[in-house]
Amino acid sequence: MPRPIEPGQMASRHLAPMSFEQFRALVADILEVDAVKVTPEAYFVTDLGVDSVKLVEVVLQLQAMGLELTPDLVWRIQTVGDAYRYYQEQARRDP
């Protein structure tokens, strides 16, 4: 089960470079699914069974790690690969 986010925690986090395998393990842990199912092509809703509550958990965990996610962007990220590409882009921009 993911740890709760503490107040102010988001602002103090910096994105660390992460391999896809590390990202896969993180997503599998948050979603409580077998990591084998977490592929770049896997859709969060149809393939991994993410409902709105679980989606909020995923977004909160990624924000706690320092990822900036707007509501519009959340709806555009459909696959694990989309999420990982966005993570990589943000990690490269992080000071």
Protein backbone atom coordinates (compact mmCIF):
# COMPACT_ATOMS: atom_id res chain seq x y z
CA MET A 1 0.00 0.00 0.00
CA PRO A 2 1.43 3.41 -0.94
CA ARG A 3 2.45 5.71 1.89
CA PRO A 4 0.24 8.74 2.55
CA ILE A 5 1.53 12.10 1.32
CA GLU A 6 2.60 14.52 4.00
CA PRO A 7 1.85 18.26 3.70
CA GLY A 8 4.68 20.01 1.84
CA GLN A 9 6.12 16.72 0.64
CA MET A 10 5.46 17.43 -3.05
CA ALA A 11 7.44 20.65 -3.15
CA SER A 12 10.56 19.07 -1.61
CA ARG A 13 10.85 16.15 -4.03
CA HIS A 14 13.14 16.00 -7.04
CA LEU A 15 12.70 13.48 -9.82
CA ALA A 16 15.44 10.90 -9.95
CA PRO A 17 16.25 9.14 -13.20
CA MET A 18 14.42 5.82 -13.29
CA SER A 19 14.70 2.87 -15.65
CA PHE A 20 11.52 1.41 -17.11
CA GLU A 21 12.00 -1.64 -14.86
CA GLN A 22 12.03 0.61 -11.79
CA PHE A 23 9.01 2.53 -13.06
CA ARG A 24 7.22 -0.75 -13.79
CA ALA A 25 7.85 -1.97 -10.24
CA LEU A 26 6.56 1.32 -8.81
CA VAL A 27 3.37 1.23 -10.91
CA ALA A 28 2.81 -2.45 -10.10
CA ASP A 29 3.17 -1.67 -6.40
CA ILE A 30 0.78 1.29 -6.50
CA LEU A 31 -1.81 -0.63 -8.51
CA GLU A 32 -1.23 -3.90 -6.66
CA VAL A 33 -0.90 -5.85 -9.93
CA ASP A 34 1.67 -8.32 -11.23
CA ALA A 35 4.60 -6.40 -12.75
CA VAL A 36 4.42 -8.66 -15.82
CA LYS A 37 1.15 -6.92 -16.75
CA VAL A 38 2.78 -3.49 -16.56
CA THR A 39 4.11 -3.02 -20.09
CA PRO A 40 4.60 0.18 -22.09
CA GLU A 41 1.56 -0.78 -24.19
CA ALA A 42 -0.72 -1.52 -21.20
CA TYR A 43 -3.67 0.83 -20.86
CA PHE A 44 -4.31 1.85 -17.26
CA VAL A 45 -8.10 1.43 -17.47
CA THR A 46 -8.68 -1.48 -19.83
CA ASP A 47 -5.57 -3.59 -19.24
CA LEU A 48 -4.72 -2.85 -15.61
CA GLY A 49 -8.24 -2.28 -14.27
CA VAL A 50 -7.59 1.21 -12.92
CA ASP A 51 -10.76 2.85 -11.64
CA SER A 52 -11.13 6.50 -10.64
CA VAL A 53 -10.05 5.88 -7.03
CA LYS A 54 -6.93 4.00 -8.10
CA LEU A 55 -6.18 6.70 -10.68
CA VAL A 56 -6.18 9.30 -7.91
CA GLU A 57 -3.72 7.12 -5.93
CA VAL A 58 -1.41 6.87 -8.93
CA VAL A 59 -1.55 10.62 -9.56
CA LEU A 60 -0.89 11.43 -5.89
CA GLN A 61 2.09 9.09 -5.76
CA LEU A 62 3.59 10.54 -8.94
CA GLN A 63 3.03 14.08 -7.63
CA ALA A 64 4.66 13.11 -4.33
CA MET A 65 7.72 12.09 -6.35
CA GLY A 66 7.81 15.59 -7.88
CA LEU A 67 5.94 15.01 -11.14
CA GLU A 68 3.77 17.94 -12.18
CA LEU A 69 0.41 16.63 -13.41
CA THR A 70 -2.52 18.79 -14.46
CA PRO A 71 -6.03 17.31 -14.68
CA ASP A 72 -5.93 17.68 -18.49
CA LEU A 73 -2.63 15.81 -18.69
CA VAL A 74 -3.88 13.01 -16.44
CA TRP A 75 -6.65 12.24 -18.93
CA ARG A 76 -4.22 12.25 -21.85
CA ILE A 77 -1.89 9.69 -20.23
CA GLN A 78 -3.54 6.44 -21.23
CA THR A 79 -0.78 3.84 -21.19
CA VAL A 80 2.11 2.96 -18.92
CA GLY A 81 4.41 4.02 -21.76
CA ASP A 82 2.74 7.46 -21.90
CA ALA A 83 3.31 7.87 -18.17
CA TYR A 84 6.94 6.72 -18.35
CA ARG A 85 7.73 9.06 -21.28
CA TYR A 86 6.24 11.97 -19.36
CA TYR A 87 8.23 10.97 -16.26
CA GLN A 88 11.44 10.91 -18.31
CA GLU A 89 10.71 14.35 -19.80
CA GLN A 90 10.09 15.81 -16.33
CA ALA A 91 13.18 14.13 -14.83
CA ARG A 92 15.34 15.71 -17.56
CA ARG A 93 13.91 19.15 -16.76
CA ASP A 94 14.24 18.79 -12.97
CA PRO A 95 17.07 20.98 -11.61
